[in-house]
Structure formats: C-alpha cells, structure tokens
Amino acid sequence: MTYQIKQITDDSYNDIKFLFLKIGYKYSLNYIRKKYNTSVFGLKNIGFIAKDSDIPAAYYGVFPMCLNYDFTDYLVAQSGDTMTSPDYQKKGLFTKLAKKTYSISKELGIKLIFGFPNNNSYPGFKHKLDWEFAGHMQRFAIMNNVSFSCKIIRRLSVFSSLCKKIAKRKIAKYQILPENIDLKFFNFQNVKGQIKKDLRFFNFKLAQNNVYLIQIDNFYILLKVDVYLYIGELGKIDKTQTSKLIRVLKSLSQELGCKAIFFTISKNHWLFELLKDEIKPEKSLPIGFYRFDKGIDINQIQFSNADFDTF
C-alpha cells in the first residue's frame, strides 16, 4: 500500500484530532493548537503524518524545547503523540515516520530527542529506532482524604468543567506570574543537565489547560490540577522544609478536592533525595534518548513532571 507522507502544518491538526479519536482520546482542536504551538522555542510542527488517500493512518512528531547542559543551551525535542490508527498497525508506519522526523530534526539543529515511552511503544523505540535508555522516572504518591462527593463529582463528565472552574477560582489567590519572580529557583546550579525553566518554558506551560504557577508558604510550585494534583516542578528547597511542603500540598489538594498528589521525577533529580525519606517511590516510565550529539551524557540530565508533553 502506498501512503502519502507529509510534514505536518497547522492545517494537519484536524487529522491529528481524528487519530486521537481512533485510539480513544477526545481532544479539542484548541487543545491541540496550544500543545503544538512550540514557536516560543524557535520551531513548531516537527513531525510527519501518513495518509491513505484522505484517511489519516499514523503520526509521529516531536516537541522542541531547550536543554541547559553544562551551562550551555541546546535545542532538543521530546517525542510525543506517537499514534497509529488500529486499521493501519503493523505496517511499519511508526518506524518510517520516526526516521523522517529524526532526519529533519537533525537538519534543524536539534541535538537529541528524549521521551518516556509506555509499555506498548518501548519495544519499537528500543529495537527499531535504537534508542538509548537511562533508568526510569520515579513516582511519589501522597494519598488524600477527600469527601466521597468530591470523588463522585469529578468522575461525572457533566461536572468536569464546573470542577475546573471552582479549582481555578480557589487557586487564584496563590497564583504568580513567572516574570515577577527570579526563575533561578527553578534552574539548579549544581545540575549538569536539565530542561531550562526560563520565561519561554513557563509561558508555554501556563498556556496549557489547568496548569498554574503558585507561591504558597514561600514554596514556588508549577502544578496541574485535575482529579489529582500533579507537581510539575518545585523551586529549590532544603531537606528541613520537606515535611512542611508535604503538609502544605495535602492541605491545598484537600481544598481543591484532589484525592492524591503526584511527584514524578528522575532518580538524579535533586528532589528525589528529599522525598525518598518521606515517601516510598514507585518505578514509572523509562527515560529514553536518540542522540545526534554524542557529547551530551544522557545520565546527567534530570527530569520532572513538567518536562512531559502531557503536562
């Protein structure tokens, strides 16, 4: 079978929405536009779509970001939204689209691709695309006692938008603007490599749904509010503040009606050593890389939940 394979443009977002629906996810065009608008990092629409006549069959793309490694900024990208329609699986489209994406990424000056593949996609990345892996993300969960009514209401889609509006109103008193704080709190001097938390990063993330930057009891926190409270990144604290941080977050999550708090970080993230004595971590998704620049040591790059394209 012959497929039409083209690099995506803004006009491709309806096709991407179609593919999401085929694999069971219902996203609005507005959500897709915001997520794919990575212009703030210098590039957008780095990916390829395959179509059978006018029918979208598969998509592979990456999201440009900035990596600060050894005090130097590099253009990198995260692999995300890899999907093949169930009608076109096992036809080699995943590998073909990925290799075309990597080729154009290299031409555009991207130094490496990173990602967090799930169990279904991990074999393809490892065996067909020759990805390298450097451990797993670690998830810390703090369960919360919220009312039974909160749990039920959040499960009912009819109340979903209402819950989000209420959470937005409640969290407004803690919100701050990234341009009004010193972002060095989020860029750690003793770290070899990290996704740079500069104004571009925060403005991009805060444009996404239900993501907030807050200051509460002298803690600076980038978080996402949903059924759960997801901690994206935390301004640097020391070990003596860990217990207080947990108390503050439990109180906040109860106020917002969230039944659990999740930190997801790499094992080499500075926060791991602080949390592991308070909460037992669970192994989460693998951390993978496709390098164009072999001078970057993948074991020296730390990640947090905010670095995920889904955050």
Protein backbone atom coordinates (compact mmCIF):
# COMPACT_ATOMS: atom_id res chain seq x y z
CA MET A 1 0.00 0.00 0.00
CA THR A 2 1.24 3.48 -0.87
CA TYR A 3 0.83 6.24 1.68
CA GLN A 4 1.06 9.99 1.37
CA ILE A 5 3.65 11.11 3.92
CA LYS A 6 3.97 14.82 4.64
CA GLN A 7 5.36 17.07 7.35
CA ILE A 8 2.53 18.49 9.41
CA THR A 9 1.35 22.09 9.27
CA ASP A 10 -1.31 23.95 11.24
CA ASP A 11 -3.80 22.51 8.74
CA SER A 12 -2.94 18.99 9.93
CA TYR A 13 -4.48 19.40 13.38
CA ASN A 14 -7.87 18.03 12.29
CA ASP A 15 -6.09 14.88 11.11
CA ILE A 16 -4.28 14.61 14.45
CA LYS A 17 -7.59 15.05 16.26
CA PHE A 18 -9.01 12.24 14.10
CA LEU A 19 -6.13 9.92 15.06
CA PHE A 20 -6.58 10.72 18.74
CA LEU A 21 -10.23 9.70 18.45
CA LYS A 22 -9.24 6.45 16.72
CA ILE A 23 -7.08 5.46 19.69
CA GLY A 24 -9.64 6.55 22.28
CA TYR A 25 -8.78 10.15 23.21
CA LYS A 26 -11.13 13.08 22.66
CA TYR A 27 -9.19 16.35 22.45
CA SER A 28 -10.43 19.68 21.16
CA LEU A 29 -8.74 21.50 18.30
CA ASN A 30 -7.94 24.31 20.70
CA TYR A 31 -6.05 21.90 22.97
CA ILE A 32 -4.05 20.54 20.02
CA ARG A 33 -3.24 24.03 18.69
CA LYS A 34 -1.90 25.15 22.06
CA LYS A 35 0.13 21.99 22.61
CA TYR A 36 1.68 22.07 19.13
CA ASN A 37 2.46 25.80 19.16
CA THR A 38 6.09 25.48 20.26
CA SER A 39 7.14 28.60 18.32
CA VAL A 40 8.44 30.12 21.54
CA PHE A 41 11.34 27.62 21.30
CA GLY A 42 12.04 28.56 17.69
CA LEU A 43 10.36 25.65 15.86
CA LYS A 44 6.93 24.08 15.53
CA ASN A 45 5.21 21.25 13.66
CA ILE A 46 8.22 18.90 13.66
CA GLY A 47 6.54 15.67 12.65
CA PHE A 48 5.10 13.62 9.82
CA ILE A 49 1.67 12.20 9.10
CA ALA A 50 0.84 9.27 6.83
CA LYS A 51 -2.48 9.19 4.99
CA ASP A 52 -4.22 6.51 2.96
CA SER A 53 -5.91 8.70 0.36
CA ASP A 54 -7.64 11.20 2.68
CA ILE A 55 -7.68 8.94 5.74
CA PRO A 56 -5.08 9.69 8.46
CA ALA A 57 -3.24 6.46 9.22
CA ALA A 58 -0.38 7.37 11.56
CA TYR A 59 1.56 10.28 13.06
CA TYR A 60 4.97 10.76 14.66
CA GLY A 61 6.27 14.06 15.94
CA VAL A 62 8.44 15.84 18.47
CA PHE A 63 8.08 18.98 20.59
CA PRO A 64 11.08 21.37 20.59
CA MET A 65 12.45 22.51 23.97
CA CYS A 66 15.62 23.99 25.43
CA LEU A 67 18.12 21.85 27.33
CA ASN A 68 20.69 23.56 29.55
CA TYR A 69 23.68 21.22 29.70
CA ASP A 70 26.95 22.17 31.36
CA PHE A 71 25.80 25.86 31.35
CA THR A 72 25.19 25.81 27.58
CA ASP A 73 21.76 25.92 25.92
CA TYR A 74 20.90 23.26 23.32
CA LEU A 75 17.84 22.83 21.14
CA VAL A 76 16.33 19.42 21.89
CA ALA A 77 12.89 17.86 21.41
CA GLN A 78 10.57 15.49 23.20
CA SER A 79 8.98 12.61 21.32
CA GLY A 80 5.23 12.80 21.81
CA ASP A 81 1.80 11.84 20.46
CA THR A 82 3.10 8.83 18.56
CA MET A 83 -0.01 7.08 17.25
CA THR A 84 -1.19 4.69 14.58
CA SER A 85 -4.83 4.06 13.75
CA PRO A 86 -5.86 0.49 14.66
CA ASP A 87 -6.72 -0.01 10.99
CA TYR A 88 -3.10 0.56 9.92
CA GLN A 89 -0.99 -1.10 12.60
CA LYS A 90 1.90 -3.48 11.87
CA LYS A 91 2.65 -1.83 8.53
CA GLY A 92 5.93 -0.16 9.51
CA LEU A 93 4.50 3.36 9.67
CA PHE A 94 5.80 4.08 13.18
CA THR A 95 9.41 3.43 12.18
CA LYS A 96 9.16 5.18 8.81
CA LEU A 97 7.61 8.36 10.27
CA ALA A 98 10.04 8.42 13.21
CA LYS A 99 13.09 8.20 10.95
CA LYS A 100 11.80 11.02 8.75
CA THR A 101 11.19 13.12 11.86
CA TYR A 102 14.70 12.43 13.17
CA SER A 103 16.22 13.34 9.80
CA ILE A 104 14.56 16.75 9.67
CA SER A 105 15.25 17.29 13.39
CA LYS A 106 18.96 16.84 12.79
CA GLU A 107 18.85 19.24 9.83
CA LEU A 108 17.17 21.86 12.02
CA GLY A 109 19.90 21.67 14.66
CA ILE A 110 18.14 19.59 17.30
CA LYS A 111 20.82 17.85 19.39
CA LEU A 112 18.79 14.99 20.85
CA ILE A 113 15.32 13.54 21.12
CA PHE A 114 14.11 12.36 24.51
CA GLY A 115 10.93 10.68 25.66
CA PHE A 116 9.14 8.47 28.13
CA PRO A 117 7.64 5.55 26.18
CA ASN A 118 4.97 3.35 27.69
CA ASN A 119 4.99 -0.45 27.65
CA ASN A 120 3.38 -0.60 24.22
CA SER A 121 5.82 1.73 22.46
CA TYR A 122 9.02 0.85 24.36
CA PRO A 123 9.97 -2.15 22.15
CA GLY A 124 9.65 -0.06 19.00
CA PHE A 125 11.86 2.71 20.34
CA LYS A 126 14.48 0.28 21.64
CA HIS A 127 14.66 -2.29 18.86
CA LYS A 128 13.54 -0.41 15.74
CA LEU A 129 14.84 3.09 16.44
CA ASP A 130 17.95 2.26 18.52
CA TRP A 131 17.05 4.47 21.44
CA GLU A 132 19.33 4.55 24.50
CA PHE A 133 17.81 4.38 27.98
CA ALA A 134 18.91 5.88 31.28
CA GLY A 135 16.77 4.46 34.04
CA HIS A 136 13.16 5.22 34.88
CA MET A 137 11.16 8.12 36.20
CA GLN A 138 10.16 7.73 39.85
CA ARG A 139 6.67 8.46 41.11
CA PHE A 140 5.90 9.62 44.65
CA ALA A 141 2.21 9.44 45.62
CA ILE A 142 0.58 11.17 48.58
CA MET A 143 -2.98 9.98 49.08
CA ASN A 144 -5.56 12.35 50.45
CA ASN A 145 -8.83 12.09 52.32
CA VAL A 146 -11.34 14.00 50.24
CA SER A 147 -15.08 13.71 50.58
CA PHE A 148 -16.95 10.94 48.78
CA SER A 149 -18.96 13.60 46.95
CA CYS A 150 -15.75 15.13 45.54
CA LYS A 151 -14.70 11.75 44.13
CA ILE A 152 -18.09 11.12 42.54
CA ILE A 153 -18.47 14.62 41.09
CA ARG A 154 -15.04 14.50 39.45
CA ARG A 155 -15.93 11.22 37.73
CA LEU A 156 -19.02 12.72 36.12
CA SER A 157 -18.12 14.44 32.85
CA VAL A 158 -21.11 16.74 33.14
CA PHE A 159 -19.47 18.34 36.18
CA SER A 160 -15.90 18.30 34.83
CA SER A 161 -15.83 21.90 33.57
CA LEU A 162 -17.54 23.11 36.75
CA CYS A 163 -14.92 21.40 38.93
CA LYS A 164 -12.14 23.01 36.92
CA LYS A 165 -13.71 26.44 37.25
CA ILE A 166 -14.04 26.03 41.01
CA ALA A 167 -10.40 24.87 41.29
CA LYS A 168 -9.25 27.81 39.17
CA ARG A 169 -11.08 30.24 41.43
CA LYS A 170 -9.67 28.65 44.59
CA ILE A 171 -6.10 28.57 43.34
CA ALA A 172 -6.18 32.17 42.06
CA LYS A 173 -5.14 33.58 45.45
CA TYR A 174 -1.83 31.72 45.19
CA GLN A 175 -1.07 32.42 41.52
CA ILE A 176 2.02 34.37 40.48
CA LEU A 177 3.43 35.41 37.13
CA PRO A 178 6.80 33.95 36.09
CA GLU A 179 8.09 37.38 35.06
CA ASN A 180 7.59 38.59 38.63
CA ILE A 181 9.93 36.08 40.28
CA ASP A 182 13.57 35.09 39.99
CA LEU A 183 13.50 31.93 37.89
CA LYS A 184 16.82 30.79 39.33
CA PHE A 185 14.63 28.99 41.91
CA PHE A 186 13.80 26.51 39.13
CA ASN A 187 17.21 26.31 37.43
CA PHE A 188 19.61 24.46 39.63
CA GLN A 189 23.29 25.38 39.56
CA ASN A 190 24.58 22.00 40.77
CA VAL A 191 22.81 20.09 37.99
CA LYS A 192 24.68 19.05 34.84
CA GLY A 193 21.66 18.90 32.54
CA GLN A 194 18.03 19.99 32.79
CA ILE A 195 15.21 21.28 30.62
CA LYS A 196 15.66 25.02 31.03
CA LYS A 197 12.94 26.64 33.12
CA ASP A 198 13.10 30.08 31.57
CA LEU A 199 10.32 32.52 30.75
CA ARG A 200 9.67 30.75 27.42
CA PHE A 201 9.13 27.45 29.22
CA PHE A 202 6.75 28.88 31.80
CA ASN A 203 4.71 30.87 29.30
CA PHE A 204 4.33 27.77 27.14
CA LYS A 205 3.30 25.52 30.03
CA LEU A 206 0.95 28.08 31.59
CA ALA A 207 -0.89 28.37 28.27
CA GLN A 208 -1.92 24.72 28.63
CA ASN A 209 -5.10 23.59 30.38
CA ASN A 210 -5.25 23.63 34.20
CA VAL A 211 -1.56 24.47 34.72
CA TYR A 212 -0.64 27.09 37.35
CA LEU A 213 2.43 28.71 38.87
CA ILE A 214 1.84 29.44 42.53
CA GLN A 215 3.57 30.68 45.65
CA ILE A 216 2.30 29.23 48.90
CA ASP A 217 4.10 29.48 52.26
CA ASN A 218 7.31 30.50 50.45
CA PHE A 219 7.19 27.45 48.17
CA TYR A 220 7.28 28.13 44.42
CA ILE A 221 5.36 25.40 42.59
CA LEU A 222 4.39 24.69 38.98
CA LEU A 223 1.40 22.34 39.14
CA LYS A 224 -1.50 20.88 37.23
CA VAL A 225 -4.95 20.44 38.75
CA ASP A 226 -7.16 17.54 37.69
CA VAL A 227 -8.64 14.61 39.59
CA TYR A 228 -5.15 14.54 41.08
CA LEU A 229 -2.70 17.30 41.90
CA TYR A 230 0.39 16.91 39.72
CA ILE A 231 3.54 18.70 40.84
CA GLY A 232 5.39 19.73 37.68
CA GLU A 233 8.40 21.44 39.20
CA LEU A 234 9.37 22.91 42.55
CA GLY A 235 11.59 25.84 43.40
CA LYS A 236 14.67 24.66 45.30
CA ILE A 237 14.19 23.86 48.97
CA ASP A 238 16.37 22.14 51.56
CA LYS A 239 15.69 18.93 53.47
CA THR A 240 14.41 20.72 56.57
CA GLN A 241 11.45 22.02 54.53
CA THR A 242 10.30 18.67 53.12
CA SER A 243 7.79 17.78 55.84
CA LYS A 244 6.25 21.24 55.70
CA LEU A 245 5.99 21.03 51.91
CA ILE A 246 4.02 17.79 52.16
CA ARG A 247 1.66 19.29 54.77
CA VAL A 248 1.09 22.38 52.61
CA LEU A 249 0.38 20.32 49.50
CA LYS A 250 -2.02 18.00 51.34
CA SER A 251 -3.93 20.99 52.61
CA LEU A 252 -4.03 22.53 49.12
CA SER A 253 -5.17 19.29 47.46
CA GLN A 254 -7.95 18.90 50.02
CA GLU A 255 -9.05 22.46 49.34
CA LEU A 256 -9.14 21.68 45.60
CA GLY A 257 -10.86 18.31 46.04
CA CYS A 258 -7.93 16.31 44.62
CA LYS A 259 -7.66 12.80 46.02
CA ALA A 260 -3.91 12.38 45.57
CA ILE A 261 -0.70 14.33 44.94
CA PHE A 262 1.90 13.04 42.50
CA PHE A 263 5.55 13.95 42.05
CA THR A 264 7.18 12.28 39.04
CA ILE A 265 10.93 12.90 38.79
CA SER A 266 14.08 11.17 37.60
CA LYS A 267 16.26 9.49 40.19
CA ASN A 268 19.00 12.09 39.65
CA HIS A 269 16.61 15.00 40.27
CA TRP A 270 17.64 16.97 43.35
CA LEU A 271 14.19 16.47 44.92
CA PHE A 272 14.48 12.67 44.86
CA GLU A 273 16.85 12.58 47.84
CA LEU A 274 14.49 14.78 49.86
CA LEU A 275 11.32 12.84 49.13
CA LYS A 276 12.62 9.27 49.38
CA ASP A 277 12.96 9.50 53.16
CA GLU A 278 9.33 10.62 53.47
CA ILE A 279 7.55 8.61 50.74
CA LYS A 280 8.40 5.32 49.06
CA PRO A 281 8.80 5.88 45.30
CA GLU A 282 7.46 3.62 42.55
CA LYS A 283 9.21 2.98 39.25
CA SER A 284 7.44 4.83 36.45
CA LEU A 285 8.14 5.27 32.71
CA PRO A 286 11.59 4.63 31.17
CA ILE A 287 13.70 7.62 30.13
CA GLY A 288 14.88 7.27 26.55
CA PHE A 289 17.06 9.20 24.11
CA TYR A 290 18.02 9.38 20.47
CA ARG A 291 21.23 11.41 20.31
CA PHE A 292 22.63 13.41 17.42
CA ASP A 293 25.26 14.95 19.71
CA LYS A 294 27.16 12.15 21.47
CA GLY A 295 28.90 14.70 23.68
CA ILE A 296 25.79 15.01 25.84
CA ASP A 297 25.80 12.44 28.65
CA ILE A 298 22.21 11.21 28.96
CA ASN A 299 22.83 10.00 32.52
CA GLN A 300 23.47 13.58 33.61
CA ILE A 301 20.08 15.01 32.61
CA GLN A 302 17.38 15.33 35.26
CA PHE A 303 13.66 15.44 34.50
CA SER A 304 10.47 16.40 36.30
CA ASN A 305 6.77 16.00 35.51
CA ALA A 306 6.71 19.47 33.95
CA ASP A 307 9.02 18.19 31.21
CA PHE A 308 6.37 15.75 29.93
CA ASP A 309 4.49 16.89 26.85
CA THR A 310 1.30 15.79 28.63
CA PHE A 311 1.81 18.28 31.47
